[in-house]
Amino acid sequence: MLIDCETCHVREVACGDCVIPVLLGNSGGLVEFDEAEHVAVAVLAQQGLIPPLRLVPETTVTHRNIA
């Protein structure tokens, strides 16, 4: 999982309650989690030990199916 704070749709809105600034300091940035790291962060967040990942990637609609 590639986490890029520059492309997060809720950047500046949800940073205060996101694990990435906790891990990297206030700067945020670019992080890559493998599956095991992603699961570990989720478990720590579920137990209240760290904030959850709040990443909401920006998406681009390239086409729309019309029925």
PDB file of N, CA and C in Angstrom:
ATOM      1  N   MET A   1       0.853  -1.173   0.000  1.00  0.00           N
ATOM      2  CA  MET A   1       0.000   0.000   0.000  1.00  0.00           C
ATOM      3  C   MET A   1       0.893   1.229   0.000  1.00  0.00           C
ATOM      4  N   LEU A   2       0.713   2.069  -0.980  1.00  0.00           N
ATOM      5  CA  LEU A   2       1.465   3.308  -1.082  1.00  0.00           C
ATOM      6  C   LEU A   2       0.625   4.439  -0.502  1.00  0.00           C
ATOM      7  N   ILE A   3       1.183   5.130   0.461  1.00  0.00           N
ATOM      8  CA  ILE A   3       0.480   6.229   1.112  1.00  0.00           C
ATOM      9  C   ILE A   3       1.192   7.519   0.736  1.00  0.00           C
ATOM     10  N   ASP A   4       0.493   8.387   0.040  1.00  0.00           N
ATOM     11  CA  ASP A   4       1.055   9.652  -0.407  1.00  0.00           C
ATOM     12  C   ASP A   4       0.183  10.778   0.124  1.00  0.00           C
ATOM     13  N   CYS A   5       0.682  11.475   1.108  1.00  0.00           N
ATOM     14  CA  CYS A   5      -0.096  12.556   1.730  1.00  0.00           C
ATOM     15  C   CYS A   5      -0.429  13.665   0.733  1.00  0.00           C
ATOM     16  N   GLU A   6       0.411  13.836  -0.283  1.00  0.00           N
ATOM     17  CA  GLU A   6       0.171  14.878  -1.278  1.00  0.00           C
ATOM     18  C   GLU A   6      -1.096  14.628  -2.085  1.00  0.00           C
ATOM     19  N   THR A   7      -1.513  13.372  -2.196  1.00  0.00           N
ATOM     20  CA  THR A   7      -2.694  13.065  -2.998  1.00  0.00           C
ATOM     21  C   THR A   7      -3.891  12.653  -2.147  1.00  0.00           C
ATOM     22  N   CYS A   8      -3.795  12.828  -0.838  1.00  0.00           N
ATOM     23  CA  CYS A   8      -4.903  12.463   0.048  1.00  0.00           C
ATOM     24  C   CYS A   8      -6.016  13.509  -0.062  1.00  0.00           C
ATOM     25  N   HIS A   9      -7.221  13.042  -0.295  1.00  0.00           N
ATOM     26  CA  HIS A   9      -8.374  13.927  -0.477  1.00  0.00           C
ATOM     27  C   HIS A   9      -8.734  14.703   0.798  1.00  0.00           C
ATOM     28  N   VAL A  10      -8.409  14.161   1.969  1.00  0.00           N
ATOM     29  CA  VAL A  10      -8.737  14.835   3.232  1.00  0.00           C
ATOM     30  C   VAL A  10      -7.502  15.456   3.879  1.00  0.00           C
ATOM     31  N   ARG A  11      -6.490  15.714   3.067  1.00  0.00           N
ATOM     32  CA  ARG A  11      -5.273  16.351   3.583  1.00  0.00           C
ATOM     33  C   ARG A  11      -5.640  17.681   4.227  1.00  0.00           C
ATOM     34  N   GLU A  12      -4.984  17.975   5.311  1.00  0.00           N
ATOM     35  CA  GLU A  12      -5.204  19.177   6.119  1.00  0.00           C
ATOM     36  C   GLU A  12      -6.483  19.101   6.942  1.00  0.00           C
ATOM     37  N   VAL A  13      -7.408  18.212   6.607  1.00  0.00           N
ATOM     38  CA  VAL A  13      -8.642  18.070   7.371  1.00  0.00           C
ATOM     39  C   VAL A  13      -8.511  16.958   8.398  1.00  0.00           C
ATOM     40  N   ALA A  14      -7.932  15.831   7.992  1.00  0.00           N
ATOM     41  CA  ALA A  14      -7.850  14.662   8.875  1.00  0.00           C
ATOM     42  C   ALA A  14      -6.432  14.352   9.346  1.00  0.00           C
ATOM     43  N   CYS A  15      -5.467  15.196   9.030  1.00  0.00           N
ATOM     44  CA  CYS A  15      -4.073  14.923   9.410  1.00  0.00           C
ATOM     45  C   CYS A  15      -3.891  14.812  10.922  1.00  0.00           C
ATOM     46  N   GLY A  16      -4.639  15.574  11.679  1.00  0.00           N
ATOM     47  CA  GLY A  16      -4.492  15.574  13.125  1.00  0.00           C
ATOM     48  C   GLY A  16      -4.871  14.267  13.782  1.00  0.00           C
ATOM     49  N   ASP A  17      -5.614  13.431  13.073  1.00  0.00           N
ATOM     50  CA  ASP A  17      -6.046  12.144  13.621  1.00  0.00           C
ATOM     51  C   ASP A  17      -5.632  11.006  12.688  1.00  0.00           C
ATOM     52  N   CYS A  18      -4.446  11.129  12.097  1.00  0.00           N
ATOM     53  CA  CYS A  18      -3.935  10.121  11.171  1.00  0.00           C
ATOM     54  C   CYS A  18      -2.597   9.611  11.668  1.00  0.00           C
ATOM     55  N   VAL A  19      -2.332   8.331  11.451  1.00  0.00           N
ATOM     56  CA  VAL A  19      -1.101   7.716  11.930  1.00  0.00           C
ATOM     57  C   VAL A  19       0.145   8.203  11.183  1.00  0.00           C
ATOM     58  N   ILE A  20       0.027   8.641   9.960  1.00  0.00           N
ATOM     59  CA  ILE A  20       1.216   9.013   9.187  1.00  0.00           C
ATOM     60  C   ILE A  20       1.982  10.178   9.828  1.00  0.00           C
ATOM     61  N   PRO A  21       1.329  11.265  10.244  1.00  0.00           N
ATOM     62  CA  PRO A  21       2.086  12.296  10.943  1.00  0.00           C
ATOM     63  C   PRO A  21       2.719  11.790  12.253  1.00  0.00           C
ATOM     64  N   VAL A  22       2.090  10.816  12.895  1.00  0.00           N
ATOM     65  CA  VAL A  22       2.678  10.233  14.111  1.00  0.00           C
ATOM     66  C   VAL A  22       3.961   9.494  13.748  1.00  0.00           C
ATOM     67  N   LEU A  23       3.938   8.755  12.650  1.00  0.00           N
ATOM     68  CA  LEU A  23       5.113   7.990  12.242  1.00  0.00           C
ATOM     69  C   LEU A  23       6.220   8.858  11.666  1.00  0.00           C
ATOM     70  N   LEU A  24       5.852   9.898  10.917  1.00  0.00           N
ATOM     71  CA  LEU A  24       6.842  10.703  10.199  1.00  0.00           C
ATOM     72  C   LEU A  24       7.054  12.098  10.776  1.00  0.00           C
ATOM     73  N   GLY A  25       6.353  12.448  11.824  1.00  0.00           N
ATOM     74  CA  GLY A  25       6.383  13.825  12.288  1.00  0.00           C
ATOM     75  C   GLY A  25       5.292  14.591  11.580  1.00  0.00           C
ATOM     76  N   ASN A  26       5.246  15.871  11.754  1.00  0.00           N
ATOM     77  CA  ASN A  26       4.147  16.670  11.206  1.00  0.00           C
ATOM     78  C   ASN A  26       4.206  16.832   9.697  1.00  0.00           C
ATOM     79  N   SER A  27       5.301  16.435   9.072  1.00  0.00           N
ATOM     80  CA  SER A  27       5.437  16.688   7.639  1.00  0.00           C
ATOM     81  C   SER A  27       4.612  15.757   6.772  1.00  0.00           C
ATOM     82  N   GLY A  28       4.261  14.562   7.284  1.00  0.00           N
ATOM     83  CA  GLY A  28       3.569  13.605   6.426  1.00  0.00           C
ATOM     84  C   GLY A  28       4.496  13.199   5.307  1.00  0.00           C
ATOM     85  N   GLY A  29       3.966  12.789   4.198  1.00  0.00           N
ATOM     86  CA  GLY A  29       4.829  12.462   3.078  1.00  0.00           C
ATOM     87  C   GLY A  29       4.415  11.216   2.350  1.00  0.00           C
ATOM     88  N   LEU A  30       5.412  10.429   1.964  1.00  0.00           N
ATOM     89  CA  LEU A  30       5.207   9.236   1.174  1.00  0.00           C
ATOM     90  C   LEU A  30       5.698   8.037   1.966  1.00  0.00           C
ATOM     91  N   VAL A  31       4.839   7.049   2.133  1.00  0.00           N
ATOM     92  CA  VAL A  31       5.160   5.848   2.893  1.00  0.00           C
ATOM     93  C   VAL A  31       4.638   4.653   2.121  1.00  0.00           C
ATOM     94  N   GLU A  32       5.355   3.549   2.178  1.00  0.00           N
ATOM     95  CA  GLU A  32       4.851   2.321   1.583  1.00  0.00           C
ATOM     96  C   GLU A  32       4.773   1.261   2.666  1.00  0.00           C
ATOM     97  N   PHE A  33       3.569   0.721   2.888  1.00  0.00           N
ATOM     98  CA  PHE A  33       3.338  -0.363   3.835  1.00  0.00           C
ATOM     99  C   PHE A  33       3.144  -1.642   3.049  1.00  0.00           C
ATOM    100  N   ASP A  34       3.814  -2.725   3.487  1.00  0.00           N
ATOM    101  CA  ASP A  34       3.449  -4.014   2.912  1.00  0.00           C
ATOM    102  C   ASP A  34       2.224  -4.515   3.671  1.00  0.00           C
ATOM    103  N   GLU A  35       1.699  -5.662   3.289  1.00  0.00           N
ATOM    104  CA  GLU A  35       0.456  -6.161   3.898  1.00  0.00           C
ATOM    105  C   GLU A  35       0.606  -6.372   5.395  1.00  0.00           C
ATOM    106  N   ALA A  36       1.735  -6.924   5.838  1.00  0.00           N
ATOM    107  CA  ALA A  36       1.948  -7.174   7.271  1.00  0.00           C
ATOM    108  C   ALA A  36       1.997  -5.871   8.066  1.00  0.00           C
ATOM    109  N   GLU A  37       2.644  -4.859   7.516  1.00  0.00           N
ATOM    110  CA  GLU A  37       2.706  -3.555   8.197  1.00  0.00           C
ATOM    111  C   GLU A  37       1.324  -2.908   8.253  1.00  0.00           C
ATOM    112  N   HIS A  38       0.568  -3.040   7.171  1.00  0.00           N
ATOM    113  CA  HIS A  38      -0.782  -2.468   7.142  1.00  0.00           C
ATOM    114  C   HIS A  38      -1.657  -3.128   8.209  1.00  0.00           C
ATOM    115  N   VAL A  39      -1.566  -4.450   8.329  1.00  0.00           N
ATOM    116  CA  VAL A  39      -2.331  -5.181   9.344  1.00  0.00           C
ATOM    117  C   VAL A  39      -1.878  -4.758  10.743  1.00  0.00           C
ATOM    118  N   ALA A  40      -0.580  -4.626  10.952  1.00  0.00           N
ATOM    119  CA  ALA A  40      -0.056  -4.239  12.268  1.00  0.00           C
ATOM    120  C   ALA A  40      -0.555  -2.853  12.673  1.00  0.00           C
ATOM    121  N   VAL A  41      -0.526  -1.910  11.751  1.00  0.00           N
ATOM    122  CA  VAL A  41      -1.019  -0.561  12.042  1.00  0.00           C
ATOM    123  C   VAL A  41      -2.508  -0.603  12.360  1.00  0.00           C
ATOM    124  N   ALA A  42      -3.270  -1.388  11.617  1.00  0.00           N
ATOM    125  CA  ALA A  42      -4.705  -1.498  11.868  1.00  0.00           C
ATOM    126  C   ALA A  42      -4.982  -2.082  13.254  1.00  0.00           C
ATOM    127  N   VAL A  43      -4.218  -3.105  13.656  1.00  0.00           N
ATOM    128  CA  VAL A  43      -4.412  -3.712  14.973  1.00  0.00           C
ATOM    129  C   VAL A  43      -4.062  -2.719  16.076  1.00  0.00           C
ATOM    130  N   LEU A  44      -2.956  -2.015  15.934  1.00  0.00           N
ATOM    131  CA  LEU A  44      -2.573  -1.010  16.941  1.00  0.00           C
ATOM    132  C   LEU A  44      -3.632   0.087  17.043  1.00  0.00           C
ATOM    133  N   ALA A  45      -4.178   0.501  15.899  1.00  0.00           N
ATOM    134  CA  ALA A  45      -5.224   1.528  15.902  1.00  0.00           C
ATOM    135  C   ALA A  45      -6.499   1.017  16.559  1.00  0.00           C
ATOM    136  N   GLN A  46      -6.867  -0.233  16.279  1.00  0.00           N
ATOM    137  CA  GLN A  46      -8.074  -0.802  16.879  1.00  0.00           C
ATOM    138  C   GLN A  46      -7.964  -0.873  18.401  1.00  0.00           C
ATOM    139  N   GLN A  47      -6.742  -1.035  18.895  1.00  0.00           N
ATOM    140  CA  GLN A  47      -6.526  -1.108  20.339  1.00  0.00           C
ATOM    141  C   GLN A  47      -6.346   0.274  20.969  1.00  0.00           C
ATOM    142  N   GLY A  48      -6.398   1.319  20.150  1.00  0.00           N
ATOM    143  CA  GLY A  48      -6.287   2.682  20.664  1.00  0.00           C
ATOM    144  C   GLY A  48      -4.868   3.124  20.960  1.00  0.00           C
ATOM    145  N   LEU A  49      -3.873   2.394  20.465  1.00  0.00           N
ATOM    146  CA  LEU A  49      -2.478   2.729  20.750  1.00  0.00           C
ATOM    147  C   LEU A  49      -1.910   3.779  19.804  1.00  0.00           C
ATOM    148  N   ILE A  50      -2.452   3.853  18.612  1.00  0.00           N
ATOM    149  CA  ILE A  50      -2.072   4.868  17.636  1.00  0.00           C
ATOM    150  C   ILE A  50      -3.330   5.304  16.905  1.00  0.00           C
ATOM    151  N   PRO A  51      -3.305   6.485  16.272  1.00  0.00           N
ATOM    152  CA  PRO A  51      -4.464   6.873  15.477  1.00  0.00           C
ATOM    153  C   PRO A  51      -4.558   6.009  14.223  1.00  0.00           C
ATOM    154  N   PRO A  52      -5.739   5.876  13.639  1.00  0.00           N
ATOM    155  CA  PRO A  52      -5.895   5.085  12.417  1.00  0.00           C
ATOM    156  C   PRO A  52      -5.357   5.822  11.193  1.00  0.00           C
ATOM    157  N   LEU A  53      -5.167   5.080  10.132  1.00  0.00           N
ATOM    158  CA  LEU A  53      -4.830   5.671   8.846  1.00  0.00           C
ATOM    159  C   LEU A  53      -6.085   6.333   8.303  1.00  0.00           C
ATOM    160  N   ARG A  54      -6.009   7.593   7.956  1.00  0.00           N
ATOM    161  CA  ARG A  54      -7.164   8.342   7.463  1.00  0.00           C
ATOM    162  C   ARG A  54      -7.075   8.639   5.976  1.00  0.00           C
ATOM    163  N   LEU A  55      -6.185   7.962   5.277  1.00  0.00           N
ATOM    164  CA  LEU A  55      -5.965   8.210   3.860  1.00  0.00           C
ATOM    165  C   LEU A  55      -7.243   8.032   3.056  1.00  0.00           C
ATOM    166  N   VAL A  56      -7.569   9.036   2.265  1.00  0.00           N
ATOM    167  CA  VAL A  56      -8.660   8.957   1.295  1.00  0.00           C
ATOM    168  C   VAL A  56      -8.041   9.377  -0.032  1.00  0.00           C
ATOM    169  N   PRO A  57      -7.597   8.388  -0.836  1.00  0.00           N
ATOM    170  CA  PRO A  57      -6.927   8.741  -2.087  1.00  0.00           C
ATOM    171  C   PRO A  57      -7.850   9.485  -3.030  1.00  0.00           C
ATOM    172  N   GLU A  58      -7.279  10.467  -3.724  1.00  0.00           N
ATOM    173  CA  GLU A  58      -8.039  11.142  -4.765  1.00  0.00           C
ATOM    174  C   GLU A  58      -8.195  10.168  -5.913  1.00  0.00           C
ATOM    175  N   THR A  59      -9.351  10.152  -6.522  1.00  0.00           N
ATOM    176  CA  THR A  59      -9.577   9.275  -7.660  1.00  0.00           C
ATOM    177  C   THR A  59     -10.012  10.110  -8.845  1.00  0.00           C
ATOM    178  N   THR A  60      -9.685   9.630  -9.997  1.00  0.00           N
ATOM    179  CA  THR A  60     -10.070  10.309 -11.219  1.00  0.00           C
ATOM    180  C   THR A  60     -11.052   9.422 -11.970  1.00  0.00           C
ATOM    181  N   VAL A  61     -12.198   9.969 -12.307  1.00  0.00           N
ATOM    182  CA  VAL A  61     -13.185   9.226 -13.083  1.00  0.00           C
ATOM    183  C   VAL A  61     -12.789   9.355 -14.541  1.00  0.00           C
ATOM    184  N   THR A  62     -12.503   8.210 -15.165  1.00  0.00           N
ATOM    185  CA  THR A  62     -12.104   8.249 -16.576  1.00  0.00           C
ATOM    186  C   THR A  62     -13.280   7.966 -17.507  1.00  0.00           C
ATOM    187  N   HIS A  63     -14.284   7.236 -17.000  1.00  0.00           N
ATOM    188  CA  HIS A  63     -15.476   6.982 -17.795  1.00  0.00           C
ATOM    189  C   HIS A  63     -16.613   6.614 -16.834  1.00  0.00           C
ATOM    190  N   ARG A  64     -17.788   6.703 -17.332  1.00  0.00           N
ATOM    191  CA  ARG A  64     -18.964   6.395 -16.524  1.00  0.00           C
ATOM    192  C   ARG A  64     -19.879   5.492 -17.324  1.00  0.00           C
ATOM    193  N   ASN A  65     -20.287   4.387 -16.722  1.00  0.00           N
ATOM    194  CA  ASN A  65     -21.238   3.478 -17.375  1.00  0.00           C
ATOM    195  C   ASN A  65     -22.643   4.037 -17.223  1.00  0.00           C
ATOM    196  N   ILE A  66     -23.337   4.180 -18.316  1.00  0.00           N
ATOM    197  CA  ILE A  66     -24.721   4.655 -18.279  1.00  0.00           C
ATOM    198  C   ILE A  66     -25.608   3.510 -18.740  1.00  0.00           C
ATOM    199  N   ALA A  67     -26.507   3.124 -17.860  1.00  0.00           N
ATOM    200  CA  ALA A  67     -27.381   1.988 -18.181  1.00  0.00           C
ATOM    201  C   ALA A  67     -28.566   2.414 -18.982  1.00  0.00           C
TER     202      ALA A  67
END
